[in-house]
C-alpha cells in the first residue's frame, strides 16, 4: 500500500463524510502515462445510505464519480510540484454507470492521469467492483 487513510488526509483537503478514498494501492506506468490504483470500502454506515434509498441502499453515482476524481487527485497532489495545492474537478465526459454499488462492495479505482499543462489536466478513470466496471469517465481538473 502506498498511502493509508491518514496519509491520504495529508494529500487531500476532504474530510468525513466527503473523503471517499480509503487507500492507494499502487501507481504504475502504462503507455507512458501514470495510473493510480485506489480503493474505497463501501460501508452500510455511509451517511448517504440514509436517504439513497431507504430499504434499497445504493451508492449515488455522482459520489462514485467524485471518489474516482479524488483518487486521481491523490496522484496529482503526490507530485512534488503540486504538493499542498488544491485539485478542483472541472468536468466529466462520457460518464457511464454500469452497475450498482451497494454496502459491502469494495470500489477499486483505476485513474490514468494525462499531461498537466498550465495547471489544467485530464484523466480517464474506471471504478470496479470485483473486477467488473461500475463506472467509467473522462475527467478534467485544474490545480490551484
N, C-alpha and C. Protein backbone atom coordinates (compact mmCIF):
# COMPACT_ATOMS: atom_id res chain seq x y z
N UNK A 1 0.84 -1.17 0.00
CA UNK A 1 0.00 0.00 0.00
C UNK A 1 0.89 1.24 0.00
N UNK A 2 0.58 2.18 -0.88
CA UNK A 2 1.36 3.42 -0.96
C UNK A 2 0.91 4.45 0.06
N UNK A 3 -0.41 4.65 0.17
CA UNK A 3 -0.95 5.61 1.12
C UNK A 3 -2.09 4.97 1.90
N UNK A 4 -2.04 5.10 3.23
CA UNK A 4 -3.18 4.67 4.04
C UNK A 4 -4.10 5.87 4.24
N UNK A 5 -5.17 5.70 4.99
CA UNK A 5 -6.16 6.76 5.13
C UNK A 5 -5.59 8.03 5.75
N UNK A 6 -4.68 7.90 6.70
CA UNK A 6 -4.08 9.09 7.32
C UNK A 6 -3.17 9.82 6.33
N UNK A 7 -2.44 9.10 5.52
CA UNK A 7 -1.58 9.72 4.52
C UNK A 7 -2.41 10.39 3.42
N UNK A 8 -3.54 9.81 3.09
CA UNK A 8 -4.43 10.43 2.11
C UNK A 8 -4.94 11.77 2.64
N UNK A 9 -5.23 11.84 3.93
CA UNK A 9 -5.69 13.10 4.54
C UNK A 9 -4.60 14.17 4.49
N UNK A 10 -3.34 13.77 4.39
CA UNK A 10 -2.26 14.74 4.23
C UNK A 10 -2.23 15.29 2.81
N UNK A 11 -2.73 14.52 1.84
CA UNK A 11 -2.75 14.95 0.44
C UNK A 11 -4.02 15.73 0.10
N UNK A 12 -5.17 15.17 0.45
CA UNK A 12 -6.45 15.75 0.07
C UNK A 12 -7.03 16.61 1.18
N UNK A 13 -7.71 17.69 0.83
CA UNK A 13 -8.34 18.53 1.85
C UNK A 13 -9.67 17.97 2.34
N UNK A 14 -10.22 16.97 1.66
CA UNK A 14 -11.53 16.41 2.01
C UNK A 14 -11.48 15.74 3.38
N UNK A 15 -12.62 15.79 4.08
CA UNK A 15 -12.77 15.13 5.37
C UNK A 15 -14.14 14.46 5.41
N UNK A 16 -14.30 13.58 6.39
CA UNK A 16 -15.57 12.88 6.57
C UNK A 16 -16.70 13.91 6.64
N UNK A 17 -17.79 13.69 5.97
CA UNK A 17 -18.18 12.49 5.24
C UNK A 17 -17.84 12.53 3.75
N UNK A 18 -16.99 13.47 3.33
CA UNK A 18 -16.75 13.63 1.91
C UNK A 18 -15.41 13.09 1.44
N UNK A 19 -14.59 12.55 2.32
CA UNK A 19 -13.36 11.89 1.89
C UNK A 19 -13.75 10.48 1.46
N UNK A 20 -13.60 10.19 0.18
CA UNK A 20 -14.14 8.97 -0.39
C UNK A 20 -13.09 7.98 -0.88
N UNK A 21 -11.84 8.16 -0.49
CA UNK A 21 -10.77 7.23 -0.84
C UNK A 21 -10.16 6.71 0.46
N UNK A 22 -10.11 5.39 0.61
CA UNK A 22 -9.59 4.79 1.83
C UNK A 22 -8.10 4.45 1.76
N UNK A 23 -7.65 4.05 0.58
CA UNK A 23 -6.23 3.68 0.45
C UNK A 23 -5.80 3.75 -1.01
N UNK A 24 -4.52 4.02 -1.19
CA UNK A 24 -3.91 3.98 -2.52
C UNK A 24 -3.00 2.76 -2.53
N UNK A 25 -3.24 1.88 -3.47
CA UNK A 25 -2.51 0.61 -3.52
C UNK A 25 -1.25 0.70 -4.36
N UNK A 26 -1.35 1.38 -5.49
CA UNK A 26 -0.20 1.37 -6.41
C UNK A 26 -0.30 2.52 -7.40
N UNK A 27 0.86 2.90 -7.91
CA UNK A 27 0.95 3.80 -9.05
C UNK A 27 1.85 3.09 -10.06
N UNK A 28 1.35 2.94 -11.28
CA UNK A 28 2.13 2.22 -12.29
C UNK A 28 2.11 3.00 -13.60
N UNK A 29 3.12 2.76 -14.41
CA UNK A 29 3.19 3.41 -15.71
C UNK A 29 2.58 2.50 -16.76
N UNK A 30 1.71 3.10 -17.58
CA UNK A 30 1.08 2.38 -18.69
C UNK A 30 1.15 3.27 -19.92
N UNK A 31 1.82 2.82 -20.93
CA UNK A 31 1.93 3.56 -22.19
C UNK A 31 2.42 4.99 -21.98
N UNK A 32 3.39 5.16 -21.10
CA UNK A 32 3.98 6.47 -20.85
C UNK A 32 3.18 7.36 -19.92
N UNK A 33 2.03 6.88 -19.44
CA UNK A 33 1.20 7.65 -18.52
C UNK A 33 1.15 6.94 -17.17
N UNK A 34 0.85 7.71 -16.13
CA UNK A 34 0.78 7.15 -14.79
C UNK A 34 -0.66 6.80 -14.43
N UNK A 35 -0.85 5.61 -13.88
CA UNK A 35 -2.16 5.16 -13.43
C UNK A 35 -2.09 4.90 -11.93
N UNK A 36 -3.04 5.48 -11.21
CA UNK A 36 -3.13 5.27 -9.77
C UNK A 36 -4.25 4.27 -9.51
N UNK A 37 -4.00 3.36 -8.58
CA UNK A 37 -4.98 2.36 -8.18
C UNK A 37 -5.32 2.65 -6.71
N UNK A 38 -6.59 2.92 -6.45
CA UNK A 38 -7.03 3.27 -5.10
C UNK A 38 -8.32 2.52 -4.79
N UNK A 39 -8.70 2.53 -3.50
CA UNK A 39 -9.90 1.80 -3.11
C UNK A 39 -10.75 2.58 -2.11
N UNK A 40 -12.03 2.24 -2.13
CA UNK A 40 -12.99 2.70 -1.13
C UNK A 40 -13.79 1.48 -0.70
N UNK A 41 -13.80 1.25 0.61
CA UNK A 41 -14.62 0.18 1.16
C UNK A 41 -15.99 0.79 1.50
N UNK A 42 -17.01 0.34 0.82
CA UNK A 42 -18.35 0.92 0.97
C UNK A 42 -19.04 0.27 2.17
N UNK A 43 -19.31 1.09 3.18
CA UNK A 43 -19.90 0.61 4.42
C UNK A 43 -21.38 0.99 4.51
N UNK A 44 -22.14 0.16 5.16
CA UNK A 44 -23.57 0.45 5.39
C UNK A 44 -23.73 1.72 6.21
N UNK A 45 -22.70 2.12 6.92
CA UNK A 45 -22.75 3.30 7.79
C UNK A 45 -22.53 4.62 7.05
N UNK A 46 -22.34 4.59 5.74
CA UNK A 46 -22.15 5.82 4.97
C UNK A 46 -23.40 6.69 5.12
N UNK A 47 -23.23 7.98 5.36
CA UNK A 47 -24.40 8.83 5.61
C UNK A 47 -25.37 8.93 4.43
N UNK A 48 -24.90 8.77 3.21
CA UNK A 48 -25.80 8.90 2.06
C UNK A 48 -26.80 7.75 1.96
N UNK A 49 -26.50 6.61 2.60
CA UNK A 49 -27.43 5.48 2.54
C UNK A 49 -28.71 5.74 3.33
N UNK A 50 -28.70 6.73 4.22
CA UNK A 50 -29.91 7.07 4.96
C UNK A 50 -31.04 7.47 4.03
N UNK A 51 -30.70 8.15 2.94
CA UNK A 51 -31.74 8.63 2.05
C UNK A 51 -31.66 8.09 0.63
N UNK A 52 -30.66 7.24 0.36
CA UNK A 52 -30.45 6.78 -1.03
C UNK A 52 -30.27 5.26 -1.04
N UNK A 53 -31.15 4.50 -0.94
CA UNK A 53 -32.57 4.69 -0.73
C UNK A 53 -32.98 3.87 0.47
N UNK A 54 -33.89 4.35 1.31
CA UNK A 54 -34.35 3.54 2.44
C UNK A 54 -34.90 2.19 1.94
N UNK A 55 -34.37 1.13 2.46
CA UNK A 55 -34.81 -0.20 2.05
C UNK A 55 -34.11 -0.75 0.81
N UNK A 56 -33.32 0.09 0.14
CA UNK A 56 -32.59 -0.36 -1.06
C UNK A 56 -31.35 0.52 -1.20
N UNK A 57 -30.34 0.23 -0.40
CA UNK A 57 -29.14 1.07 -0.33
C UNK A 57 -28.30 0.96 -1.60
N UNK A 58 -28.13 2.09 -2.28
CA UNK A 58 -27.32 2.18 -3.49
C UNK A 58 -26.45 3.43 -3.38
N UNK A 59 -25.16 3.29 -3.62
CA UNK A 59 -24.28 4.46 -3.58
C UNK A 59 -24.61 5.38 -4.75
N UNK A 60 -24.82 6.68 -4.47
CA UNK A 60 -25.12 7.60 -5.57
C UNK A 60 -24.01 7.63 -6.62
N UNK A 61 -24.42 7.60 -7.88
CA UNK A 61 -23.45 7.58 -8.97
C UNK A 61 -22.51 8.78 -8.95
N UNK A 62 -23.03 9.95 -8.60
CA UNK A 62 -22.16 11.13 -8.58
C UNK A 62 -21.07 11.01 -7.52
N UNK A 63 -21.33 10.26 -6.45
CA UNK A 63 -20.29 10.05 -5.44
C UNK A 63 -19.25 9.04 -5.91
N UNK A 64 -19.67 8.08 -6.72
CA UNK A 64 -18.69 7.17 -7.32
C UNK A 64 -17.75 7.97 -8.23
N UNK A 65 -18.33 8.87 -9.01
CA UNK A 65 -17.54 9.74 -9.90
C UNK A 65 -16.63 10.65 -9.09
N UNK A 66 -17.13 11.24 -8.02
CA UNK A 66 -16.32 12.09 -7.14
C UNK A 66 -15.17 11.29 -6.53
N UNK A 67 -15.44 10.08 -6.08
CA UNK A 67 -14.39 9.24 -5.50
C UNK A 67 -13.30 8.94 -6.52
N UNK A 68 -13.71 8.70 -7.76
CA UNK A 68 -12.75 8.47 -8.84
C UNK A 68 -11.87 9.70 -9.03
N UNK A 69 -12.49 10.88 -9.02
CA UNK A 69 -11.73 12.13 -9.15
C UNK A 69 -10.78 12.32 -7.97
N UNK A 70 -11.21 11.97 -6.77
CA UNK A 70 -10.34 12.08 -5.60
C UNK A 70 -9.14 11.15 -5.72
N UNK A 71 -9.35 9.96 -6.28
CA UNK A 71 -8.22 9.04 -6.49
C UNK A 71 -7.20 9.68 -7.43
N UNK A 72 -7.67 10.27 -8.52
CA UNK A 72 -6.77 10.97 -9.43
C UNK A 72 -6.06 12.12 -8.76
N UNK A 73 -6.78 12.84 -7.89
CA UNK A 73 -6.17 13.96 -7.15
C UNK A 73 -5.06 13.47 -6.22
N UNK A 74 -5.21 12.27 -5.68
CA UNK A 74 -4.13 11.70 -4.84
C UNK A 74 -2.83 11.59 -5.63
N UNK A 75 -2.96 11.19 -6.89
CA UNK A 75 -1.76 11.10 -7.72
C UNK A 75 -1.16 12.49 -7.95
N UNK A 76 -1.99 13.42 -8.39
CA UNK A 76 -1.50 14.77 -8.72
C UNK A 76 -0.87 15.43 -7.50
N UNK A 77 -1.53 15.36 -6.35
CA UNK A 77 -1.03 16.03 -5.15
C UNK A 77 0.15 15.31 -4.52
N UNK A 78 0.42 14.11 -4.97
CA UNK A 78 1.63 13.40 -4.54
C UNK A 78 2.87 13.81 -5.31
N UNK A 79 2.68 14.55 -6.41
CA UNK A 79 3.82 15.05 -7.20
C UNK A 79 4.44 16.24 -6.48
N UNK A 80 5.76 16.31 -6.39
CA UNK A 80 6.40 17.39 -5.64
C UNK A 80 5.97 18.80 -6.06
N UNK A 81 5.76 19.02 -7.35
CA UNK A 81 5.41 20.36 -7.83
C UNK A 81 4.00 20.78 -7.45
N UNK A 82 3.16 19.84 -7.03
CA UNK A 82 1.78 20.18 -6.68
C UNK A 82 1.45 19.93 -5.20
N UNK A 83 2.45 19.56 -4.43
CA UNK A 83 2.24 19.30 -3.01
C UNK A 83 1.65 20.53 -2.32
N UNK A 84 0.62 20.34 -1.54
CA UNK A 84 0.00 21.43 -0.82
C UNK A 84 -0.98 22.26 -1.63
N UNK A 85 -1.18 21.90 -2.89
CA UNK A 85 -2.12 22.63 -3.76
C UNK A 85 -3.51 22.02 -3.62
N UNK A 86 -4.43 22.54 -4.40
CA UNK A 86 -5.80 22.07 -4.42
C UNK A 86 -6.15 21.63 -5.83
N UNK A 87 -6.75 20.46 -5.97
CA UNK A 87 -7.20 19.97 -7.27
C UNK A 87 -8.72 20.11 -7.31
N UNK A 88 -9.21 20.84 -8.30
CA UNK A 88 -10.64 21.04 -8.45
C UNK A 88 -11.14 20.31 -9.69
N UNK A 89 -12.16 19.53 -9.52
CA UNK A 89 -12.83 18.77 -10.57
C UNK A 89 -13.55 19.78 -11.47
N UNK A 90 -13.25 19.80 -12.76
CA UNK A 90 -13.87 20.78 -13.65
C UNK A 90 -14.81 20.17 -14.69
N UNK A 91 -14.74 18.87 -14.87
CA UNK A 91 -15.66 18.29 -15.84
C UNK A 91 -15.56 16.79 -15.93
N UNK A 92 -16.61 16.22 -16.50
CA UNK A 92 -16.65 14.78 -16.75
C UNK A 92 -17.37 14.55 -18.07
N UNK A 93 -16.78 13.74 -18.91
CA UNK A 93 -17.36 13.41 -20.21
C UNK A 93 -17.46 11.90 -20.35
N UNK A 94 -18.38 11.49 -21.19
CA UNK A 94 -18.55 10.06 -21.48
C UNK A 94 -18.72 9.23 -20.21
N UNK A 95 -19.45 9.77 -19.25
CA UNK A 95 -19.69 9.05 -17.99
C UNK A 95 -20.71 7.95 -18.25
N UNK A 96 -20.36 6.76 -17.77
CA UNK A 96 -21.27 5.62 -17.89
C UNK A 96 -21.27 4.90 -16.54
N UNK A 97 -22.48 4.65 -16.03
CA UNK A 97 -22.62 3.83 -14.84
C UNK A 97 -23.09 2.47 -15.30
N UNK A 98 -22.34 1.44 -14.94
CA UNK A 98 -22.58 0.10 -15.48
C UNK A 98 -23.24 -0.86 -14.49
N UNK A 99 -23.05 -0.60 -13.19
CA UNK A 99 -23.66 -1.47 -12.18
C UNK A 99 -23.85 -0.69 -10.90
N UNK A 100 -24.74 -1.16 -10.05
CA UNK A 100 -24.97 -0.52 -8.76
C UNK A 100 -23.85 -0.88 -7.79
N UNK A 101 -23.58 0.05 -6.89
CA UNK A 101 -22.61 -0.17 -5.81
C UNK A 101 -23.40 -0.17 -4.51
N UNK A 102 -23.23 -1.23 -3.73
CA UNK A 102 -24.03 -1.42 -2.52
C UNK A 102 -23.11 -1.62 -1.31
N UNK A 103 -23.67 -1.51 -0.10
CA UNK A 103 -22.86 -1.75 1.09
C UNK A 103 -22.15 -3.10 1.03
N UNK A 104 -20.90 -3.10 1.45
CA UNK A 104 -20.08 -4.31 1.42
C UNK A 104 -19.18 -4.40 0.21
N UNK A 105 -19.48 -3.61 -0.82
CA UNK A 105 -18.63 -3.61 -2.02
C UNK A 105 -17.31 -2.89 -1.73
N UNK A 106 -16.27 -3.30 -2.42
CA UNK A 106 -15.00 -2.58 -2.42
C UNK A 106 -14.83 -2.00 -3.81
N UNK A 107 -14.85 -0.68 -3.88
CA UNK A 107 -14.64 0.01 -5.15
C UNK A 107 -13.15 0.14 -5.39
N UNK A 108 -12.69 -0.29 -6.53
CA UNK A 108 -11.29 -0.11 -6.92
C UNK A 108 -11.27 0.87 -8.08
N UNK A 109 -10.50 1.93 -7.90
CA UNK A 109 -10.40 2.98 -8.92
C UNK A 109 -9.10 2.83 -9.69
N UNK A 110 -9.18 2.94 -10.99
CA UNK A 110 -8.01 2.98 -11.86
C UNK A 110 -8.11 4.30 -12.63
N UNK A 111 -7.24 5.24 -12.31
CA UNK A 111 -7.29 6.55 -12.95
C UNK A 111 -5.95 6.82 -13.61
N UNK A 112 -5.98 7.00 -14.92
CA UNK A 112 -4.79 7.35 -15.68
C UNK A 112 -4.81 8.85 -15.91
N UNK A 113 -3.77 9.50 -15.41
CA UNK A 113 -3.69 10.96 -15.50
C UNK A 113 -2.87 11.34 -16.72
N UNK A 114 -3.45 12.21 -17.55
CA UNK A 114 -2.75 12.69 -18.73
C UNK A 114 -1.80 13.82 -18.37
N UNK A 115 -1.32 14.51 -19.36
CA UNK A 115 -0.43 15.63 -19.12
C UNK A 115 -1.16 16.77 -18.43
N UNK A 116 -0.43 17.47 -17.57
CA UNK A 116 -0.97 18.66 -16.90
C UNK A 116 -0.22 19.84 -17.49
N UNK A 117 -0.96 20.74 -18.14
CA UNK A 117 -0.35 21.92 -18.76
C UNK A 117 -1.03 23.16 -18.23
N UNK A 118 -0.21 24.11 -17.81
CA UNK A 118 -0.74 25.36 -17.27
C UNK A 118 -1.76 25.08 -16.17
N UNK A 119 -1.46 24.08 -15.35
CA UNK A 119 -2.29 23.67 -14.21
C UNK A 119 -3.64 23.09 -14.60
N UNK A 120 -3.83 22.72 -15.84
CA UNK A 120 -5.06 22.08 -16.29
C UNK A 120 -4.70 20.68 -16.78
N UNK A 121 -5.48 19.70 -16.32
CA UNK A 121 -5.17 18.33 -16.70
C UNK A 121 -6.42 17.50 -16.95
N UNK A 122 -6.18 16.29 -17.37
CA UNK A 122 -7.28 15.37 -17.64
C UNK A 122 -6.88 13.96 -17.25
N UNK A 123 -7.87 13.13 -17.15
CA UNK A 123 -7.63 11.74 -16.83
C UNK A 123 -8.76 10.87 -17.33
N UNK A 124 -8.50 9.59 -17.30
CA UNK A 124 -9.51 8.61 -17.69
C UNK A 124 -9.60 7.62 -16.55
N UNK A 125 -10.81 7.39 -16.07
CA UNK A 125 -10.94 6.54 -14.90
C UNK A 125 -12.01 5.47 -15.04
N UNK A 126 -11.82 4.45 -14.21
CA UNK A 126 -12.80 3.38 -14.07
C UNK A 126 -12.94 3.06 -12.59
N UNK A 127 -14.16 2.76 -12.19
CA UNK A 127 -14.43 2.25 -10.85
C UNK A 127 -14.92 0.82 -11.02
N UNK A 128 -14.29 -0.11 -10.33
CA UNK A 128 -14.63 -1.52 -10.49
C UNK A 128 -15.05 -2.13 -9.16
N UNK A 129 -15.93 -3.11 -9.22
CA UNK A 129 -16.29 -3.94 -8.08
C UNK A 129 -16.11 -5.38 -8.53
N UNK A 130 -15.27 -6.10 -7.82
CA UNK A 130 -14.99 -7.49 -8.17
C UNK A 130 -14.56 -7.64 -9.64
N UNK A 131 -13.77 -6.65 -10.11
CA UNK A 131 -13.25 -6.70 -11.47
C UNK A 131 -14.23 -6.29 -12.55
N UNK A 132 -15.47 -5.94 -12.16
CA UNK A 132 -16.48 -5.51 -13.13
C UNK A 132 -16.66 -4.01 -13.06
N UNK A 133 -16.77 -3.36 -14.21
CA UNK A 133 -16.87 -1.90 -14.26
C UNK A 133 -18.20 -1.44 -13.68
N UNK A 134 -18.11 -0.55 -12.70
CA UNK A 134 -19.30 0.09 -12.12
C UNK A 134 -19.50 1.47 -12.73
N UNK A 135 -18.40 2.15 -13.06
CA UNK A 135 -18.47 3.48 -13.64
C UNK A 135 -17.19 3.74 -14.43
N UNK A 136 -17.32 4.52 -15.48
CA UNK A 136 -16.14 4.95 -16.24
C UNK A 136 -16.40 6.36 -16.75
N UNK A 137 -15.32 7.13 -16.87
CA UNK A 137 -15.48 8.53 -17.28
C UNK A 137 -14.14 9.12 -17.68
N UNK A 138 -14.21 10.16 -18.49
CA UNK A 138 -13.07 11.05 -18.75
C UNK A 138 -13.28 12.27 -17.86
N UNK A 139 -12.27 12.64 -17.12
CA UNK A 139 -12.41 13.76 -16.19
C UNK A 139 -11.38 14.84 -16.49
N UNK A 140 -11.73 16.07 -16.15
CA UNK A 140 -10.80 17.19 -16.27
C UNK A 140 -10.72 17.91 -14.93
N UNK A 141 -9.60 18.59 -14.73
CA UNK A 141 -9.36 19.25 -13.44
C UNK A 141 -8.42 20.43 -13.61
N UNK A 142 -8.39 21.25 -12.58
CA UNK A 142 -7.44 22.36 -12.50
C UNK A 142 -6.73 22.28 -11.16
N UNK A 143 -5.45 22.65 -11.15
CA UNK A 143 -4.68 22.67 -9.92
C UNK A 143 -4.53 24.13 -9.52
N UNK A 144 -4.95 24.47 -8.31
CA UNK A 144 -4.85 25.84 -7.80
C UNK A 144 -3.85 25.91 -6.68
